[in-house]
Every structure is written in structure tokens, then in C-alpha cells.
């Protein structure tokens, strides 16, 4: 039930500071916390982790070609020729797909990878393995030196969390390049 503010309460909750003498809310002073023991739990936000596991596993990984075909279905039609997209597949210990994450949408020649967000998502779904993927709007799926460097950095960061990057697949004009097949991972 909403309480009506009376004229007597107004000076406490509001302060006249405008030219037309209308009331505006007074800014609250920040809490000065000297000890966490004196603080009520309601002042600290609770962090909740939530993962909606589907009823079925999306599929079990059998070959790189099948993964590339699956990934091509995830990219928006017509969008792969315009911008780079970065998508990650999360796998369990049996190489079953737990889910996928459309991480970023970039420009026509690059996309960003935020390792913290990507790896925190992998931890959230309890992934054991990752398959990285992005597209090249130029239609040439061969990796650039930046692709190789970012794959290496992401692989090293994931290993610290005991998560393995098993492949990085680059899609371009219906073709793909697999770091695993080329023994670069």
C-alpha cells in the first residue's frame, strides 16, 4: 500500500531548490561502513547463479565437419558476409554439447573476445571443453595472426580453470578452418 506524503513530511524527504519552488528528491548520503559486522545483509546485493539446463543434450561431437555444419546454422543468415560473430560451444566430459553462447558481434574485420565473460559462462554451465568459432566476412576461413594469438591466449586462460579449448573453427563462405584438424591447437 502506498503512503501519501503529507506537507509536514515533505521538508524531510524533499528539498526546495528549483526556481518555481517545486520539490525534488534529496540525494541520500552514502553509507559509511566501518565494519562488515555492523552491516545488515540487505545492504549487500546477493549474487545468484542460474543455468537452465535443457531437457536434452544438443548432440555429441563426432567430427569437426559436423561441428562446423552445426555452427553454420547458428550464424545469422546474411550476417556472416557483413560482420564477424564469435560463438562458443560448451561441452561436458563426454563431448556432449551443453549449450552455445553468442559471445560478440564485431565489425567487418574483427570481433572482441572478453575472456572473463566467456570463461565465467563456461564455469557457470560446468563445461569441461570449449569449441571456439568465429566467421570471416571476407569468405576466406584461413586464420590471421591475430586469430592465432587470441586462440593461444584464451587456451592458456582456460587451462588455469581446468577447461580445455579443443578447437577453434573459422567459418567463411560455407567452408571452414579447424585449428584441431591443422594441428594448431
Protein backbone atom coordinates (compact mmCIF):
# COMPACT_ATOMS: atom_id res chain seq x y z
CA UNK A 1 0.00 0.00 0.00
CA UNK A 2 1.38 3.41 -0.99
CA UNK A 3 1.58 6.05 1.67
CA UNK A 4 0.73 9.61 0.85
CA UNK A 5 3.37 12.15 1.75
CA UNK A 6 1.91 14.89 3.90
CA UNK A 7 3.00 18.52 3.88
CA UNK A 8 4.72 18.03 7.23
CA UNK A 9 6.82 15.15 5.87
CA UNK A 10 7.85 16.97 2.70
CA UNK A 11 10.73 19.01 4.16
CA UNK A 12 12.32 15.80 5.42
CA UNK A 13 12.06 13.86 2.14
CA UNK A 14 12.30 16.71 -0.34
CA UNK A 15 14.18 19.97 -0.61
CA UNK A 16 13.16 23.17 -2.42
CA UNK A 17 15.92 24.04 -4.84
CA UNK A 18 14.20 24.99 -8.07
CA UNK A 19 13.23 28.42 -9.30
CA UNK A 20 9.49 27.62 -9.28
CA UNK A 21 9.69 26.26 -5.70
CA UNK A 22 8.80 22.72 -6.75
CA UNK A 23 10.09 19.86 -4.65
CA UNK A 24 12.85 17.50 -5.80
CA UNK A 25 14.23 14.43 -4.07
CA UNK A 26 17.17 14.96 -1.78
CA UNK A 27 20.15 12.75 -2.58
CA UNK A 28 20.91 10.19 0.08
CA UNK A 29 24.34 10.21 1.61
CA UNK A 30 26.36 7.01 1.03
CA UNK A 31 26.69 4.65 3.97
CA UNK A 32 29.94 4.84 5.85
CA UNK A 33 30.84 1.24 6.65
CA UNK A 34 33.47 0.81 9.32
CA UNK A 35 32.95 -2.91 9.80
CA UNK A 36 31.11 -5.58 7.88
CA UNK A 37 29.88 -6.96 11.19
CA UNK A 38 27.77 -3.82 11.71
CA UNK A 39 26.18 -4.00 8.27
CA UNK A 40 22.80 -5.56 7.58
CA UNK A 41 22.82 -8.26 4.83
CA UNK A 42 20.15 -6.35 2.91
CA UNK A 43 22.72 -3.64 2.06
CA UNK A 44 24.89 -6.05 0.04
CA UNK A 45 23.45 -7.45 -3.21
CA UNK A 46 23.16 -11.22 -3.42
CA UNK A 47 24.79 -12.82 -6.44
CA UNK A 48 22.71 -15.60 -7.94
CA UNK A 49 23.95 -18.11 -10.49
CA UNK A 50 21.34 -19.61 -12.76
CA UNK A 51 21.65 -22.09 -15.61
CA UNK A 52 18.62 -23.54 -17.34
CA UNK A 53 19.67 -26.94 -18.50
CA UNK A 54 17.65 -28.16 -21.45
CA UNK A 55 15.76 -31.43 -21.35
CA UNK A 56 18.07 -32.98 -23.91
CA UNK A 57 21.70 -32.72 -24.79
CA UNK A 58 22.11 -30.82 -28.06
CA UNK A 59 24.32 -33.54 -29.54
CA UNK A 60 27.52 -35.46 -29.13
CA UNK A 61 30.61 -34.37 -31.02
CA UNK A 62 31.64 -36.93 -33.63
CA UNK A 63 33.64 -34.94 -36.17
CA UNK A 64 34.89 -31.46 -36.89
CA UNK A 65 32.83 -31.36 -40.06
CA UNK A 66 29.61 -31.98 -38.10
CA UNK A 67 30.55 -29.24 -35.62
CA UNK A 68 31.23 -26.80 -38.47
CA UNK A 69 27.86 -27.64 -40.06
CA UNK A 70 26.13 -27.11 -36.71
CA UNK A 71 27.93 -23.78 -36.20
CA UNK A 72 26.96 -22.56 -39.66
CA UNK A 73 23.31 -22.92 -38.60
CA UNK A 74 23.94 -20.63 -35.58
CA UNK A 75 25.22 -17.70 -37.60
CA UNK A 76 22.50 -15.34 -38.81
CA UNK A 77 21.62 -15.71 -42.46
CA UNK A 78 23.11 -12.86 -44.43
CA UNK A 79 25.04 -11.60 -41.41
CA UNK A 80 28.16 -13.70 -41.90
CA UNK A 81 29.06 -11.70 -45.01
CA UNK A 82 28.77 -8.41 -43.14
CA UNK A 83 30.19 -8.77 -39.61
CA UNK A 84 32.30 -11.11 -37.53
CA UNK A 85 30.48 -13.12 -34.86
CA UNK A 86 32.13 -15.08 -32.05
CA UNK A 87 30.29 -18.18 -30.80
CA UNK A 88 31.37 -20.74 -28.22
CA UNK A 89 30.16 -24.31 -27.77
CA UNK A 90 30.31 -25.70 -24.24
CA UNK A 91 30.94 -29.44 -23.87
CA UNK A 92 30.80 -31.84 -20.95
CA UNK A 93 33.36 -34.56 -20.24
CA UNK A 94 31.61 -36.89 -22.75
CA UNK A 95 31.96 -34.29 -25.56
CA UNK A 96 28.22 -33.65 -25.49
CA UNK A 97 27.11 -30.11 -26.26
CA UNK A 98 25.79 -28.45 -23.11
CA UNK A 99 24.94 -25.26 -24.92
CA UNK A 100 26.27 -22.46 -27.02
CA UNK A 101 26.92 -18.80 -26.34
CA UNK A 102 26.80 -16.00 -28.91
CA UNK A 103 29.60 -14.03 -27.33
CA UNK A 104 30.15 -10.97 -29.53
CA UNK A 105 29.23 -9.27 -32.78
CA UNK A 106 32.07 -7.28 -34.27
CA UNK A 107 32.91 -5.21 -37.31
CA UNK A 108 33.59 -6.34 -40.85
CA UNK A 109 37.14 -7.43 -39.99
CA UNK A 110 37.35 -8.11 -36.25
CA UNK A 111 35.46 -9.00 -33.11
CA UNK A 112 36.39 -8.73 -29.46
CA UNK A 113 36.76 -11.61 -27.03
CA UNK A 114 36.21 -10.90 -23.34
CA UNK A 115 37.99 -13.79 -21.62
CA UNK A 116 36.39 -13.06 -18.24
CA UNK A 117 32.83 -13.19 -19.55
CA UNK A 118 33.48 -16.17 -21.78
CA UNK A 119 35.20 -18.23 -19.09
CA UNK A 120 32.75 -17.26 -16.35
CA UNK A 121 29.97 -18.52 -18.63
CA UNK A 122 31.90 -21.77 -19.13
CA UNK A 123 32.22 -22.17 -15.36
CA UNK A 124 28.54 -21.42 -14.90
CA UNK A 125 27.50 -24.30 -17.16
CA UNK A 126 30.22 -26.59 -15.73
CA UNK A 127 31.86 -27.05 -19.14
CA UNK A 128 34.90 -29.28 -19.43
CA UNK A 129 35.71 -28.37 -23.02
CA UNK A 130 35.20 -25.39 -25.33
CA UNK A 131 34.97 -25.13 -29.09
CA UNK A 132 35.55 -21.57 -30.25
CA UNK A 133 34.18 -20.27 -33.51
CA UNK A 134 34.01 -17.10 -35.50
CA UNK A 135 33.39 -16.18 -39.09
CA UNK A 136 35.34 -14.22 -41.67
CA UNK A 137 33.12 -11.95 -43.78
CA UNK A 138 35.87 -11.96 -46.43
CA UNK A 139 34.87 -15.61 -47.12
CA UNK A 140 38.45 -16.80 -46.57
CA UNK A 141 38.43 -19.04 -43.50
CA UNK A 142 42.24 -19.07 -43.08
CA UNK A 143 43.25 -17.65 -39.66
CA UNK A 144 45.08 -14.38 -39.29
CA UNK A 145 47.99 -13.90 -36.90
CA UNK A 146 45.52 -12.15 -34.54
CA UNK A 147 43.26 -15.25 -34.67
CA UNK A 148 46.18 -17.48 -33.72
CA UNK A 149 47.30 -15.16 -30.91
CA UNK A 150 43.83 -14.78 -29.38
CA UNK A 151 43.26 -18.55 -29.56
CA UNK A 152 46.54 -19.14 -27.73
CA UNK A 153 45.73 -16.58 -25.01
CA UNK A 154 42.23 -17.94 -24.50
CA UNK A 155 43.51 -21.51 -24.37
CA UNK A 156 46.08 -20.56 -21.70
CA UNK A 157 43.48 -18.72 -19.62
CA UNK A 158 41.04 -21.64 -19.83
CA UNK A 159 43.72 -24.12 -18.75
CA UNK A 160 44.11 -22.21 -15.48
CA UNK A 161 40.48 -23.16 -14.77
CA UNK A 162 40.99 -26.76 -15.94
CA UNK A 163 38.91 -26.18 -19.06
CA UNK A 164 40.32 -27.30 -22.39
CA UNK A 165 39.89 -25.47 -25.67
CA UNK A 166 39.62 -28.40 -28.08
CA UNK A 167 39.15 -26.48 -31.33
CA UNK A 168 38.72 -23.10 -32.94
CA UNK A 169 36.68 -23.23 -36.13
CA UNK A 170 36.64 -20.31 -38.53
CA UNK A 171 33.72 -20.18 -40.95
CA UNK A 172 33.94 -18.47 -44.33
CA UNK A 173 31.61 -18.78 -47.33
CA UNK A 174 30.39 -22.28 -46.49
CA UNK A 175 33.93 -23.53 -45.80
CA UNK A 176 35.75 -23.87 -42.51
CA UNK A 177 39.22 -23.94 -41.00
CA UNK A 178 39.78 -26.10 -37.94
CA UNK A 179 42.74 -25.50 -35.65
CA UNK A 180 42.37 -29.11 -34.47
CA UNK A 181 42.47 -30.60 -37.96
CA UNK A 182 45.51 -28.45 -38.81
CA UNK A 183 47.18 -29.48 -35.52
CA UNK A 184 47.47 -25.90 -34.33
CA UNK A 185 45.79 -26.49 -31.01
